[in-house]
């Protein structure tokens, strides 16, 4: 049966040719690395019982003074406002964030980090340093600094690209 599939398919020689192209393509290496890195982060964060997006939401709250509107948080995370509801609900259920209404404008709600949320972020920073050290222990200190610089440059450039995209092209 395998011979039938190979005989009717593109052929082993064609498959090997495309496989060699894949192996030499930088973009695929980056995509595969990004996917692996995301998976590593998700596995690591599951030890803390939070998703990657929940953790990022908490970090964004801290980086922005402890409070953001759902719209601001969605923008900081490159997500739609609608997709933030589940994340915010889960953070509230865990006592890591609360929704606070604005006294001046009742239509406006702010998401505020709680003391437990801040405690989680502090612990997450320490744990993040440990798992990052584990993941990069084959790199020299100079290579780690270079990786941090490159990551920062790519973050800024990709942020610029995403912010320039029409809203309907952004994925939740």
N, C-alpha and C. Protein backbone atom coordinates (compact mmCIF):
# COMPACT_ATOMS: atom_id res chain seq x y z
N UNK A 1 0.82 -1.19 0.00
CA UNK A 1 0.00 0.00 0.00
C UNK A 1 0.87 1.26 0.00
N UNK A 2 1.97 1.26 0.75
CA UNK A 2 2.88 2.41 0.76
C UNK A 2 3.46 2.66 -0.63
N UNK A 3 3.76 1.57 -1.36
CA UNK A 3 4.29 1.74 -2.72
C UNK A 3 3.25 2.41 -3.61
N UNK A 4 1.97 2.05 -3.41
CA UNK A 4 0.92 2.67 -4.20
C UNK A 4 0.86 4.17 -3.92
N UNK A 5 0.94 4.53 -2.66
CA UNK A 5 0.87 5.95 -2.30
C UNK A 5 2.06 6.69 -2.91
N UNK A 6 3.26 6.10 -2.79
CA UNK A 6 4.45 6.74 -3.35
C UNK A 6 4.35 6.80 -4.87
N UNK A 7 3.87 5.74 -5.49
CA UNK A 7 3.75 5.72 -6.94
C UNK A 7 2.74 6.73 -7.45
N UNK A 8 1.68 6.96 -6.69
CA UNK A 8 0.65 7.90 -7.13
C UNK A 8 0.88 9.32 -6.58
N UNK A 9 1.79 9.42 -5.65
CA UNK A 9 2.06 10.71 -5.03
C UNK A 9 3.13 11.46 -5.80
N UNK A 10 3.69 12.48 -5.18
CA UNK A 10 4.67 13.34 -5.86
C UNK A 10 6.02 12.65 -6.09
N UNK A 11 6.28 11.55 -5.45
CA UNK A 11 7.54 10.85 -5.65
C UNK A 11 8.57 11.23 -4.60
N UNK A 12 9.36 10.26 -4.22
CA UNK A 12 10.34 10.45 -3.17
C UNK A 12 11.38 11.51 -3.55
N UNK A 13 11.80 11.53 -4.82
CA UNK A 13 12.79 12.50 -5.26
C UNK A 13 12.26 13.93 -5.10
N UNK A 14 11.00 14.16 -5.47
CA UNK A 14 10.39 15.48 -5.30
C UNK A 14 10.25 15.84 -3.83
N UNK A 15 9.87 14.87 -3.02
CA UNK A 15 9.73 15.11 -1.58
C UNK A 15 11.07 15.48 -0.98
N UNK A 16 12.13 14.77 -1.34
CA UNK A 16 13.47 15.07 -0.83
C UNK A 16 13.93 16.45 -1.27
N UNK A 17 13.61 16.83 -2.50
CA UNK A 17 13.99 18.14 -3.00
C UNK A 17 13.32 19.26 -2.18
N UNK A 18 12.03 19.10 -1.93
CA UNK A 18 11.31 20.09 -1.13
C UNK A 18 11.80 20.07 0.31
N UNK A 19 12.10 18.89 0.85
CA UNK A 19 12.63 18.78 2.22
C UNK A 19 13.95 19.54 2.33
N UNK A 20 14.79 19.45 1.32
CA UNK A 20 16.06 20.19 1.32
C UNK A 20 15.82 21.70 1.27
N UNK A 21 14.82 22.12 0.50
CA UNK A 21 14.47 23.54 0.47
C UNK A 21 14.01 24.01 1.85
N UNK A 22 13.20 23.19 2.50
CA UNK A 22 12.71 23.53 3.84
C UNK A 22 13.88 23.68 4.81
N UNK A 23 14.81 22.76 4.75
CA UNK A 23 15.95 22.78 5.67
C UNK A 23 16.81 24.03 5.49
N UNK A 24 16.81 24.60 4.28
CA UNK A 24 17.65 25.77 4.02
C UNK A 24 16.88 27.10 4.08
N UNK A 25 15.61 27.05 4.46
CA UNK A 25 14.79 28.26 4.50
C UNK A 25 14.82 28.88 5.88
N UNK A 26 15.32 30.12 5.97
CA UNK A 26 15.41 30.80 7.26
C UNK A 26 14.04 31.04 7.88
N UNK A 27 13.08 31.42 7.06
CA UNK A 27 11.76 31.75 7.63
C UNK A 27 11.15 30.54 8.33
N UNK A 28 11.31 29.36 7.76
CA UNK A 28 10.75 28.18 8.41
C UNK A 28 11.48 27.87 9.71
N UNK A 29 12.78 28.07 9.74
CA UNK A 29 13.53 27.85 10.99
C UNK A 29 13.01 28.79 12.09
N UNK A 30 12.74 30.02 11.72
CA UNK A 30 12.24 30.98 12.69
C UNK A 30 10.84 30.60 13.15
N UNK A 31 9.98 30.21 12.22
CA UNK A 31 8.62 29.80 12.57
C UNK A 31 8.65 28.57 13.47
N UNK A 32 9.47 27.60 13.12
CA UNK A 32 9.56 26.39 13.93
C UNK A 32 10.14 26.70 15.32
N UNK A 33 11.13 27.58 15.38
CA UNK A 33 11.70 27.98 16.66
C UNK A 33 10.66 28.71 17.49
N UNK A 34 9.93 29.64 16.87
CA UNK A 34 8.90 30.40 17.59
C UNK A 34 7.83 29.46 18.14
N UNK A 35 7.42 28.50 17.33
CA UNK A 35 6.41 27.53 17.77
C UNK A 35 6.94 26.71 18.95
N UNK A 36 8.17 26.26 18.85
CA UNK A 36 8.77 25.48 19.93
C UNK A 36 8.92 26.33 21.19
N UNK A 37 9.33 27.57 21.04
CA UNK A 37 9.48 28.48 22.18
C UNK A 37 8.13 28.71 22.86
N UNK A 38 7.09 28.95 22.06
CA UNK A 38 5.75 29.14 22.62
C UNK A 38 5.32 27.89 23.38
N UNK A 39 5.57 26.73 22.80
CA UNK A 39 5.19 25.48 23.47
C UNK A 39 5.96 25.32 24.78
N UNK A 40 7.25 25.64 24.78
CA UNK A 40 8.07 25.56 25.99
C UNK A 40 7.53 26.50 27.06
N UNK A 41 7.16 27.70 26.66
CA UNK A 41 6.60 28.68 27.60
C UNK A 41 5.27 28.17 28.15
N UNK A 42 4.42 27.64 27.28
CA UNK A 42 3.13 27.13 27.73
C UNK A 42 3.30 25.99 28.74
N UNK A 43 4.22 25.08 28.46
CA UNK A 43 4.47 23.96 29.38
C UNK A 43 5.00 24.49 30.71
N UNK A 44 5.91 25.43 30.65
CA UNK A 44 6.49 26.01 31.86
C UNK A 44 5.44 26.75 32.67
N UNK A 45 4.58 27.52 32.00
CA UNK A 45 3.56 28.28 32.71
C UNK A 45 2.49 27.38 33.30
N UNK A 46 2.23 26.23 32.67
CA UNK A 46 1.22 25.32 33.22
C UNK A 46 1.62 24.84 34.60
N UNK A 47 2.90 24.84 34.89
CA UNK A 47 3.34 24.48 36.24
C UNK A 47 2.78 25.49 37.24
N UNK A 48 2.50 26.71 36.79
CA UNK A 48 1.95 27.76 37.64
C UNK A 48 0.43 27.82 37.54
N UNK A 49 -0.15 26.98 36.70
CA UNK A 49 -1.60 26.91 36.52
C UNK A 49 -2.19 28.15 35.85
N UNK A 50 -1.40 28.86 35.07
CA UNK A 50 -1.91 29.98 34.28
C UNK A 50 -1.53 29.77 32.82
N UNK A 51 -2.35 30.29 31.94
CA UNK A 51 -2.01 30.22 30.52
C UNK A 51 -1.00 31.31 30.18
N UNK A 52 -0.41 31.17 29.02
CA UNK A 52 0.54 32.18 28.53
C UNK A 52 -0.14 33.55 28.45
N UNK A 53 -1.36 33.60 27.93
CA UNK A 53 -2.06 34.88 27.76
C UNK A 53 -2.46 35.48 29.11
N UNK A 54 -2.85 34.65 30.07
CA UNK A 54 -3.17 35.17 31.40
C UNK A 54 -1.92 35.80 32.03
N UNK A 55 -0.79 35.11 31.89
CA UNK A 55 0.46 35.63 32.43
C UNK A 55 0.85 36.94 31.74
N UNK A 56 0.73 36.99 30.43
CA UNK A 56 1.07 38.21 29.69
C UNK A 56 0.16 39.35 30.11
N UNK A 57 -1.12 39.07 30.33
CA UNK A 57 -2.05 40.11 30.76
C UNK A 57 -1.61 40.70 32.11
N UNK A 58 -1.24 39.84 33.05
CA UNK A 58 -0.77 40.33 34.35
C UNK A 58 0.49 41.17 34.21
N UNK A 59 1.42 40.70 33.40
CA UNK A 59 2.67 41.46 33.20
C UNK A 59 2.37 42.83 32.57
N UNK A 60 1.44 42.86 31.61
CA UNK A 60 1.07 44.13 30.99
C UNK A 60 0.42 45.08 31.98
N UNK A 61 -0.38 44.55 32.89
CA UNK A 61 -0.97 45.40 33.92
C UNK A 61 0.11 46.04 34.78
N UNK A 62 1.09 45.25 35.20
CA UNK A 62 2.18 45.77 36.02
C UNK A 62 2.97 46.81 35.24
N UNK A 63 3.29 46.52 33.98
CA UNK A 63 4.09 47.44 33.17
C UNK A 63 3.37 48.76 32.90
N UNK A 64 2.05 48.77 33.11
CA UNK A 64 1.26 49.97 32.86
C UNK A 64 0.64 50.52 34.14
N UNK A 65 1.36 50.41 35.24
CA UNK A 65 0.93 51.02 36.49
C UNK A 65 -0.11 50.25 37.27
N UNK A 66 -0.43 49.03 36.84
CA UNK A 66 -1.35 48.18 37.58
C UNK A 66 -2.78 48.21 37.11
N UNK A 67 -3.10 49.07 36.13
CA UNK A 67 -4.49 49.20 35.70
C UNK A 67 -4.56 49.61 34.23
N UNK A 68 -5.45 48.96 33.50
CA UNK A 68 -5.72 49.29 32.10
C UNK A 68 -7.19 49.05 31.81
N UNK A 69 -7.72 49.71 30.80
CA UNK A 69 -9.06 49.36 30.33
C UNK A 69 -8.93 48.07 29.53
N UNK A 70 -10.03 47.34 29.36
CA UNK A 70 -9.96 46.13 28.52
C UNK A 70 -9.45 46.44 27.11
N UNK A 71 -9.82 47.59 26.58
CA UNK A 71 -9.36 47.98 25.23
C UNK A 71 -7.85 48.19 25.22
N UNK A 72 -7.35 48.88 26.23
CA UNK A 72 -5.90 49.11 26.32
C UNK A 72 -5.14 47.80 26.49
N UNK A 73 -5.68 46.92 27.32
CA UNK A 73 -5.03 45.62 27.53
C UNK A 73 -5.04 44.80 26.24
N UNK A 74 -6.16 44.82 25.54
CA UNK A 74 -6.25 44.10 24.26
C UNK A 74 -5.23 44.64 23.27
N UNK A 75 -5.10 45.95 23.21
CA UNK A 75 -4.13 46.56 22.28
C UNK A 75 -2.70 46.17 22.66
N UNK A 76 -2.40 46.19 23.96
CA UNK A 76 -1.05 45.84 24.42
C UNK A 76 -0.71 44.39 24.11
N UNK A 77 -1.76 43.54 24.04
CA UNK A 77 -1.54 42.11 23.81
C UNK A 77 -1.82 41.71 22.35
N UNK A 78 -2.15 42.68 21.50
CA UNK A 78 -2.45 42.42 20.09
C UNK A 78 -3.60 41.42 19.94
N UNK A 79 -4.65 41.65 20.72
CA UNK A 79 -5.84 40.80 20.70
C UNK A 79 -7.06 41.69 20.52
N UNK A 80 -8.18 41.08 20.14
CA UNK A 80 -9.42 41.84 20.06
C UNK A 80 -9.97 42.04 21.47
N UNK A 81 -10.80 43.08 21.63
CA UNK A 81 -11.43 43.33 22.93
C UNK A 81 -12.27 42.12 23.34
N UNK A 82 -12.93 41.53 22.36
CA UNK A 82 -13.79 40.38 22.64
C UNK A 82 -13.00 39.21 23.22
N UNK A 83 -11.82 38.96 22.70
CA UNK A 83 -11.03 37.82 23.18
C UNK A 83 -10.48 38.04 24.58
N UNK A 84 -10.45 39.29 25.04
CA UNK A 84 -9.92 39.59 26.37
C UNK A 84 -10.89 39.20 27.48
N UNK A 85 -12.17 39.12 27.17
CA UNK A 85 -13.17 38.84 28.20
C UNK A 85 -12.86 37.55 28.95
N UNK A 86 -12.57 36.49 28.23
CA UNK A 86 -12.28 35.20 28.87
C UNK A 86 -11.02 35.29 29.74
N UNK A 87 -10.01 35.97 29.24
CA UNK A 87 -8.76 36.12 29.99
C UNK A 87 -9.01 36.90 31.27
N UNK A 88 -9.72 38.02 31.16
CA UNK A 88 -10.01 38.85 32.32
C UNK A 88 -10.89 38.09 33.32
N UNK A 89 -11.91 37.39 32.81
CA UNK A 89 -12.77 36.58 33.69
C UNK A 89 -11.95 35.58 34.49
N UNK A 90 -11.03 34.90 33.82
CA UNK A 90 -10.23 33.88 34.51
C UNK A 90 -9.30 34.50 35.55
N UNK A 91 -8.76 35.67 35.26
CA UNK A 91 -7.90 36.35 36.23
C UNK A 91 -8.71 36.80 37.44
N UNK A 92 -9.93 37.25 37.19
CA UNK A 92 -10.82 37.63 38.29
C UNK A 92 -11.18 36.42 39.15
N UNK A 93 -11.53 35.31 38.50
CA UNK A 93 -11.89 34.09 39.23
C UNK A 93 -10.76 33.63 40.16
N UNK A 94 -9.53 33.85 39.74
CA UNK A 94 -8.37 33.43 40.53
C UNK A 94 -7.93 34.50 41.55
N UNK A 95 -8.60 35.64 41.53
CA UNK A 95 -8.27 36.71 42.46
C UNK A 95 -6.99 37.44 42.10
N UNK A 96 -6.60 37.39 40.82
CA UNK A 96 -5.36 38.03 40.37
C UNK A 96 -5.60 39.42 39.79
N UNK A 97 -6.84 39.70 39.42
CA UNK A 97 -7.21 41.02 38.88
C UNK A 97 -8.68 41.26 39.19
N UNK A 98 -9.08 42.52 39.18
CA UNK A 98 -10.48 42.89 39.39
C UNK A 98 -10.88 43.93 38.36
N UNK A 99 -12.18 43.95 38.05
CA UNK A 99 -12.73 45.00 37.20
C UNK A 99 -13.22 46.11 38.12
N UNK A 100 -12.84 47.33 37.82
CA UNK A 100 -13.29 48.50 38.58
C UNK A 100 -13.96 49.47 37.62
N UNK A 101 -15.18 49.88 37.97
CA UNK A 101 -15.88 50.87 37.17
C UNK A 101 -15.30 52.25 37.42
N UNK A 102 -15.37 53.09 36.42
CA UNK A 102 -14.89 54.47 36.52
C UNK A 102 -16.04 55.34 37.04
N UNK A 103 -15.81 56.04 38.16
CA UNK A 103 -16.85 56.88 38.75
C UNK A 103 -17.27 58.02 37.81
N UNK A 104 -16.34 58.56 37.04
CA UNK A 104 -16.65 59.68 36.15
C UNK A 104 -17.37 59.22 34.88
N UNK A 105 -17.01 58.06 34.39
CA UNK A 105 -17.62 57.54 33.16
C UNK A 105 -18.02 56.09 33.42
N UNK A 106 -19.29 55.86 33.66
CA UNK A 106 -19.76 54.52 34.03
C UNK A 106 -19.60 53.51 32.89
N UNK A 107 -19.39 53.98 31.68
CA UNK A 107 -19.18 53.06 30.55
C UNK A 107 -17.77 52.50 30.56
N UNK A 108 -16.88 53.15 31.28
CA UNK A 108 -15.46 52.78 31.29
C UNK A 108 -15.15 51.88 32.48
N UNK A 109 -14.50 50.77 32.20
CA UNK A 109 -14.07 49.83 33.22
C UNK A 109 -12.56 49.71 33.15
N UNK A 110 -11.93 49.58 34.29
CA UNK A 110 -10.50 49.33 34.36
C UNK A 110 -10.25 47.96 34.96
N UNK A 111 -9.26 47.29 34.44
CA UNK A 111 -8.80 46.03 35.01
C UNK A 111 -7.61 46.37 35.88
N UNK A 112 -7.69 45.99 37.14
CA UNK A 112 -6.62 46.33 38.08
C UNK A 112 -6.03 45.05 38.66
N UNK A 113 -4.73 45.02 38.74
CA UNK A 113 -4.05 43.86 39.34
C UNK A 113 -4.27 43.89 40.85
N UNK A 114 -4.42 42.73 41.45
CA UNK A 114 -4.58 42.61 42.89
C UNK A 114 -3.22 42.33 43.53
N UNK A 115 -3.19 42.31 44.86
CA UNK A 115 -1.95 41.95 45.56
C UNK A 115 -1.53 40.53 45.19
N UNK A 116 -2.50 39.62 45.08
CA UNK A 116 -2.17 38.25 44.67
C UNK A 116 -1.63 38.22 43.24
N UNK A 117 -2.17 39.07 42.38
CA UNK A 117 -1.67 39.15 41.01
C UNK A 117 -0.25 39.66 40.98
N UNK A 118 0.04 40.67 41.78
CA UNK A 118 1.39 41.22 41.84
C UNK A 118 2.36 40.19 42.42
N UNK A 119 1.91 39.45 43.41
CA UNK A 119 2.73 38.38 44.00
C UNK A 119 3.04 37.32 42.94
N UNK A 120 2.02 36.97 42.13
CA UNK A 120 2.24 35.99 41.06
C UNK A 120 3.30 36.49 40.09
N UNK A 121 3.21 37.76 39.67
CA UNK A 121 4.16 38.31 38.71
C UNK A 121 5.58 38.28 39.28
N UNK A 122 5.74 38.65 40.55
CA UNK A 122 7.06 38.61 41.18
C UNK A 122 7.64 37.20 41.14
N UNK A 123 6.82 36.22 41.49
CA UNK A 123 7.28 34.82 41.46
C UNK A 123 7.55 34.37 40.03
N UNK A 124 6.71 34.83 39.10
CA UNK A 124 6.86 34.45 37.69
C UNK A 124 8.17 34.98 37.12
N UNK A 125 8.57 36.18 37.55
CA UNK A 125 9.84 36.75 37.09
C UNK A 125 10.99 35.85 37.53
N UNK A 126 10.97 35.43 38.78
CA UNK A 126 12.03 34.55 39.29
C UNK A 126 12.03 33.21 38.57
N UNK A 127 10.85 32.63 38.39
CA UNK A 127 10.74 31.35 37.69
C UNK A 127 11.16 31.50 36.23
N UNK A 128 10.78 32.64 35.63
CA UNK A 128 11.16 32.89 34.23
C UNK A 128 12.66 32.96 34.06
N UNK A 129 13.33 33.58 35.03
CA UNK A 129 14.80 33.63 34.98
C UNK A 129 15.39 32.23 35.04
N UNK A 130 14.80 31.37 35.85
CA UNK A 130 15.30 29.99 36.00
C UNK A 130 15.10 29.21 34.70
N UNK A 131 13.88 29.25 34.13
CA UNK A 131 13.67 28.46 32.92
C UNK A 131 14.38 29.05 31.71
N UNK A 132 14.60 30.37 31.71
CA UNK A 132 15.37 30.96 30.62
C UNK A 132 16.83 30.54 30.72
N UNK A 133 17.35 30.50 31.92
CA UNK A 133 18.71 30.02 32.13
C UNK A 133 18.83 28.58 31.65
N UNK A 134 17.85 27.77 32.00
CA UNK A 134 17.83 26.37 31.57
C UNK A 134 17.82 26.26 30.04
N UNK A 135 17.02 27.10 29.40
CA UNK A 135 16.87 27.03 27.95
C UNK A 135 18.09 27.57 27.21
N UNK A 136 18.84 28.46 27.85
CA UNK A 136 19.96 29.12 27.15
C UNK A 136 21.32 28.77 27.74
N UNK A 137 21.40 27.70 28.52
CA UNK A 137 22.67 27.39 29.18
C UNK A 137 23.80 27.01 28.23
N UNK A 138 23.48 26.77 26.97
CA UNK A 138 24.54 26.48 26.00
C UNK A 138 25.13 27.76 25.39
N UNK A 139 24.52 28.91 25.69
CA UNK A 139 25.00 30.18 25.15
C UNK A 139 25.94 30.87 26.13
N UNK A 140 26.91 31.59 25.59
CA UNK A 140 27.79 32.40 26.43
C UNK A 140 27.03 33.64 26.89
N UNK A 141 27.55 34.36 27.85
CA UNK A 141 26.88 35.58 28.33
C UNK A 141 26.79 36.61 27.20
N UNK A 142 27.80 36.67 26.34
CA UNK A 142 27.76 37.59 25.20
C UNK A 142 26.65 37.19 24.23
N UNK A 143 26.50 35.90 23.98
CA UNK A 143 25.45 35.42 23.08
C UNK A 143 24.06 35.69 23.68
N UNK A 144 23.93 35.53 24.99
CA UNK A 144 22.65 35.81 25.66
C UNK A 144 22.29 37.29 25.53
N UNK A 145 23.27 38.16 25.70
CA UNK A 145 23.02 39.59 25.55
C UNK A 145 22.62 39.91 24.11
N UNK A 146 23.31 39.28 23.15
CA UNK A 146 23.01 39.48 21.74
C UNK A 146 21.60 38.98 21.42
N UNK A 147 21.23 37.83 21.97
CA UNK A 147 19.89 37.28 21.78
C UNK A 147 18.84 38.24 22.33
N UNK A 148 19.10 38.82 23.49
CA UNK A 148 18.17 39.78 24.09
C UNK A 148 18.02 41.02 23.19
N UNK A 149 19.14 41.50 22.64
CA UNK A 149 19.10 42.67 21.75
C UNK A 149 18.32 42.36 20.48
N UNK A 150 18.60 41.21 19.89
CA UNK A 150 17.90 40.82 18.66
C UNK A 150 16.41 40.64 18.94
N UNK A 151 16.08 40.00 20.05
CA UNK A 151 14.67 39.80 20.41
C UNK A 151 13.97 41.13 20.57
N UNK A 152 14.62 42.09 21.20
CA UNK A 152 14.04 43.42 21.39
C UNK A 152 13.82 44.10 20.04
N UNK A 153 14.79 44.02 19.15
CA UNK A 153 14.65 44.63 17.82
C UNK A 153 13.51 43.98 17.05
N UNK A 154 13.44 42.65 17.09
CA UNK A 154 12.36 41.95 16.38
C UNK A 154 11.00 42.28 16.99
N UNK A 155 10.93 42.36 18.32
CA UNK A 155 9.68 42.73 18.99
C UNK A 155 9.19 44.08 18.50
N UNK A 156 10.09 45.05 18.47
CA UNK A 156 9.71 46.39 18.03
C UNK A 156 9.26 46.40 16.58
N UNK A 157 9.99 45.71 15.71
CA UNK A 157 9.64 45.69 14.30
C UNK A 157 8.32 44.97 14.05
N UNK A 158 8.14 43.83 14.69
CA UNK A 158 6.90 43.07 14.50
C UNK A 158 5.71 43.83 15.08
N UNK A 159 5.91 44.51 16.20
CA UNK A 159 4.87 45.37 16.78
C UNK A 159 4.46 46.44 15.77
N UNK A 160 5.45 47.05 15.15
CA UNK A 160 5.21 48.08 14.13
C UNK A 160 4.41 47.50 12.97
N UNK A 161 4.78 46.31 12.53
CA UNK A 161 4.08 45.66 11.41
C UNK A 161 2.64 45.35 11.78
N UNK A 162 2.45 44.75 12.96
CA UNK A 162 1.09 44.39 13.38
C UNK A 162 0.23 45.63 13.55
N UNK A 163 0.78 46.68 14.15
CA UNK A 163 0.01 47.91 14.34
C UNK A 163 -0.37 48.56 13.02
N UNK A 164 0.38 48.28 11.96
CA UNK A 164 0.06 48.82 10.65
C UNK A 164 -0.93 47.99 9.85
N UNK A 165 -1.28 46.82 10.37
CA UNK A 165 -2.23 45.94 9.67
C UNK A 165 -3.66 46.40 9.89
N UNK A 166 -4.51 46.19 8.89
CA UNK A 166 -5.93 46.46 9.10
C UNK A 166 -6.47 45.55 10.21
N UNK A 167 -7.47 46.02 10.95
CA UNK A 167 -8.00 45.25 12.07
C UNK A 167 -8.49 43.85 11.67
N UNK A 168 -9.08 43.72 10.48
CA UNK A 168 -9.60 42.41 10.07
C UNK A 168 -8.49 41.41 9.76
N UNK A 169 -7.24 41.83 9.67
CA UNK A 169 -6.12 40.92 9.44
C UNK A 169 -5.53 40.39 10.74
N UNK A 170 -5.91 40.99 11.86
CA UNK A 170 -5.37 40.58 13.15
C UNK A 170 -6.15 39.38 13.66
N UNK A 171 -5.43 38.40 14.16
CA UNK A 171 -6.03 37.16 14.63
C UNK A 171 -6.10 37.20 16.15
N UNK A 172 -7.20 36.68 16.70
CA UNK A 172 -7.35 36.59 18.16
C UNK A 172 -6.47 35.51 18.73
